[in-house]
Amino acid sequence: MPAPKGHAPYNVNGEGGRPPVYTKEIIEKYADEFEIWLDDPENFWFKDFAILKKFNPDLFGVWEKDNLRFAGVLRQARLKQESKLFKCSLTNSYNASMVKFALNVHHNWIEKKQVVHSNDPNTPVPDWIMNTEGKSKDLVNDEPKS
């Protein structure tokens, strides 16, 4: 709904409603603080930053779309978080199951298994499985059952 006649528009689009709480300047201030917070080696789970600053972590995604500065800092935070999770799982300093869960949920890692069926015409069997006569190598018994 538009503002009343003679009243300045409430927001950028000229529509009525509450003005935004987080302006560009505030978001960029949080981006600067977030970048400083990330410099501490102990800080890598960026939802902790949101808890520390007392705002909803879901705002990270909103601010990422609205502000290029914040998007760049958030990208670095994601890279740092992914790297730390991966490295700590290699040294067994973090629980491997929890790391796998965090990487799957927060970093779109997918555990992929590929099953190839020899009778599927759309999925050819790799040459290393087949020998020159077209029979599979020692993986299955090609001899007819008596």
Protein backbone atom coordinates (compact mmCIF):
# COMPACT_ATOMS: atom_id res chain seq x y z
CA MET A 1 0.00 0.00 0.00
CA PRO A 2 1.41 3.41 -0.91
CA ALA A 3 2.14 6.14 1.61
CA PRO A 4 -0.57 8.74 2.30
CA LYS A 5 -0.78 11.79 0.01
CA GLY A 6 1.94 14.30 0.77
CA HIS A 7 3.99 11.79 2.83
CA ALA A 8 7.40 10.59 1.70
CA PRO A 9 7.56 6.92 0.60
CA TYR A 10 8.35 4.48 3.37
CA ASN A 11 10.87 2.39 1.49
CA VAL A 12 12.85 2.25 -1.72
CA ASN A 13 9.98 0.95 -3.84
CA GLY A 14 7.68 3.75 -2.71
CA GLU A 15 5.35 1.31 -1.02
CA GLY A 16 4.09 1.50 2.52
CA GLY A 17 5.29 -0.70 5.31
CA ARG A 18 7.99 -0.86 7.86
CA PRO A 19 11.40 0.41 6.79
CA PRO A 20 14.13 -2.24 6.67
CA VAL A 21 15.93 -2.94 9.94
CA TYR A 22 19.20 -3.93 8.28
CA THR A 23 20.33 -1.20 5.91
CA LYS A 24 23.22 -1.54 3.48
CA GLU A 25 25.53 0.23 5.93
CA ILE A 26 24.57 -2.09 8.80
CA ILE A 27 25.05 -5.20 6.64
CA GLU A 28 28.48 -3.99 5.51
CA LYS A 29 29.41 -3.25 9.13
CA TYR A 30 28.50 -6.86 9.97
CA ALA A 31 30.58 -7.98 6.96
CA ASP A 32 33.62 -6.15 8.35
CA GLU A 33 33.08 -7.61 11.83
CA PHE A 34 32.51 -11.07 10.33
CA GLU A 35 35.78 -10.84 8.40
CA ILE A 36 37.70 -9.89 11.57
CA TRP A 37 35.95 -12.68 13.49
CA LEU A 38 37.04 -15.20 10.81
CA ASP A 39 40.71 -14.26 11.28
CA ASP A 40 40.73 -16.05 14.64
CA PRO A 41 41.73 -19.70 13.93
CA GLU A 42 39.22 -20.93 16.51
CA ASN A 43 36.30 -19.30 14.67
CA PHE A 44 35.02 -21.25 11.71
CA TRP A 45 31.40 -22.19 12.41
CA PHE A 46 29.81 -18.98 11.18
CA LYS A 47 26.49 -19.51 12.91
CA ASP A 48 28.45 -18.81 16.09
CA PHE A 49 29.01 -15.30 14.76
CA ALA A 50 25.26 -14.82 14.37
CA ILE A 51 24.69 -16.07 17.92
CA LEU A 52 27.40 -13.73 19.22
CA LYS A 53 25.84 -10.75 17.43
CA LYS A 54 22.29 -11.82 18.40
CA PHE A 55 20.68 -12.10 14.97
CA ASN A 56 19.03 -14.95 13.10
CA PRO A 57 21.56 -17.03 11.10
CA ASP A 58 19.00 -17.24 8.28
CA LEU A 59 19.83 -13.61 7.52
CA PHE A 60 23.18 -14.77 6.07
CA GLY A 61 21.37 -16.02 2.96
CA VAL A 62 19.25 -12.87 2.64
CA TRP A 63 22.24 -10.56 3.04
CA GLU A 64 24.28 -12.65 0.63
CA LYS A 65 21.71 -11.94 -2.11
CA ASP A 66 21.39 -8.24 -1.26
CA ASN A 67 25.00 -7.22 -0.60
CA LEU A 68 28.08 -8.12 -2.63
CA ARG A 69 30.47 -7.26 0.20
CA PHE A 70 28.71 -9.61 2.59
CA ALA A 71 28.46 -12.28 -0.12
CA GLY A 72 32.25 -12.25 -0.54
CA VAL A 73 32.91 -12.55 3.19
CA LEU A 74 30.33 -15.35 3.50
CA ARG A 75 32.00 -17.21 0.62
CA GLN A 76 35.34 -17.03 2.45
CA ALA A 77 33.63 -18.23 5.64
CA ARG A 78 32.18 -21.24 3.80
CA LEU A 79 35.56 -22.10 2.30
CA LYS A 80 37.27 -21.84 5.69
CA GLN A 81 34.57 -23.93 7.35
CA GLU A 82 34.73 -26.64 4.68
CA SER A 83 38.54 -26.72 4.78
CA LYS A 84 38.70 -26.95 8.57
CA LEU A 85 36.07 -29.73 8.69
CA PHE A 86 37.89 -31.69 6.01
CA LYS A 87 41.35 -31.30 7.55
CA CYS A 88 40.16 -32.15 11.06
CA SER A 89 38.42 -35.27 9.79
CA LEU A 90 41.69 -36.42 8.20
CA THR A 91 43.51 -36.06 11.51
CA ASN A 92 40.61 -37.63 13.44
CA SER A 93 40.36 -34.59 15.70
CA TYR A 94 36.64 -34.31 14.82
CA ASN A 95 34.03 -37.06 14.76
CA ALA A 96 33.98 -38.42 11.21
CA SER A 97 30.22 -39.03 11.17
CA MET A 98 29.50 -35.50 12.30
CA VAL A 99 31.92 -34.05 9.73
CA LYS A 100 30.25 -36.09 6.99
CA PHE A 101 26.85 -34.84 8.12
CA ALA A 102 28.02 -31.20 8.23
CA LEU A 103 29.64 -31.41 4.78
CA ASN A 104 26.53 -33.04 3.28
CA VAL A 105 24.10 -30.53 4.79
CA HIS A 106 26.05 -27.27 4.72
CA HIS A 107 28.44 -27.74 1.79
CA ASN A 108 26.43 -29.89 -0.63
CA TRP A 109 28.87 -32.77 -0.59
CA ILE A 110 27.20 -35.87 -1.97
CA GLU A 111 28.28 -39.42 -1.37
CA LYS A 112 27.87 -40.98 -4.76
CA LYS A 113 27.83 -44.64 -5.65
CA GLN A 114 27.53 -45.74 -9.23
CA VAL A 115 26.09 -49.10 -10.13
CA VAL A 116 26.57 -50.32 -13.69
CA HIS A 117 24.31 -53.06 -15.00
CA SER A 118 25.66 -55.07 -17.91
CA ASN A 119 22.22 -55.39 -19.56
CA ASP A 120 21.46 -51.65 -19.60
CA PRO A 121 21.89 -50.42 -23.21
CA ASN A 122 22.11 -46.76 -22.08
CA THR A 123 25.01 -47.40 -19.71
CA PRO A 124 27.87 -49.19 -21.44
CA VAL A 125 30.10 -51.37 -19.31
CA PRO A 126 33.65 -49.96 -19.09
CA ASP A 127 36.32 -51.75 -21.12
CA TRP A 128 38.37 -52.61 -18.05
CA ILE A 129 35.52 -54.85 -16.88
CA MET A 130 35.01 -56.61 -20.21
CA ASN A 131 37.59 -58.83 -21.88
CA THR A 132 38.05 -59.09 -25.65
CA GLU A 133 35.34 -61.75 -26.15
CA GLY A 134 32.68 -59.54 -24.58
CA LYS A 135 32.43 -61.60 -21.41
CA SER A 136 32.99 -60.03 -18.04
CA LYS A 137 36.28 -60.79 -16.30
CA ASP A 138 35.92 -63.01 -13.27
CA LEU A 139 33.20 -60.79 -11.84
CA VAL A 140 30.39 -63.15 -12.73
CA ASN A 141 30.28 -66.66 -14.04
CA ASP A 142 29.31 -66.43 -17.73
CA GLU A 143 29.06 -70.17 -18.10
CA PRO A 144 25.49 -71.48 -18.35
CA LYS A 145 24.29 -73.40 -15.32
CA SER A 146 23.85 -77.10 -15.93
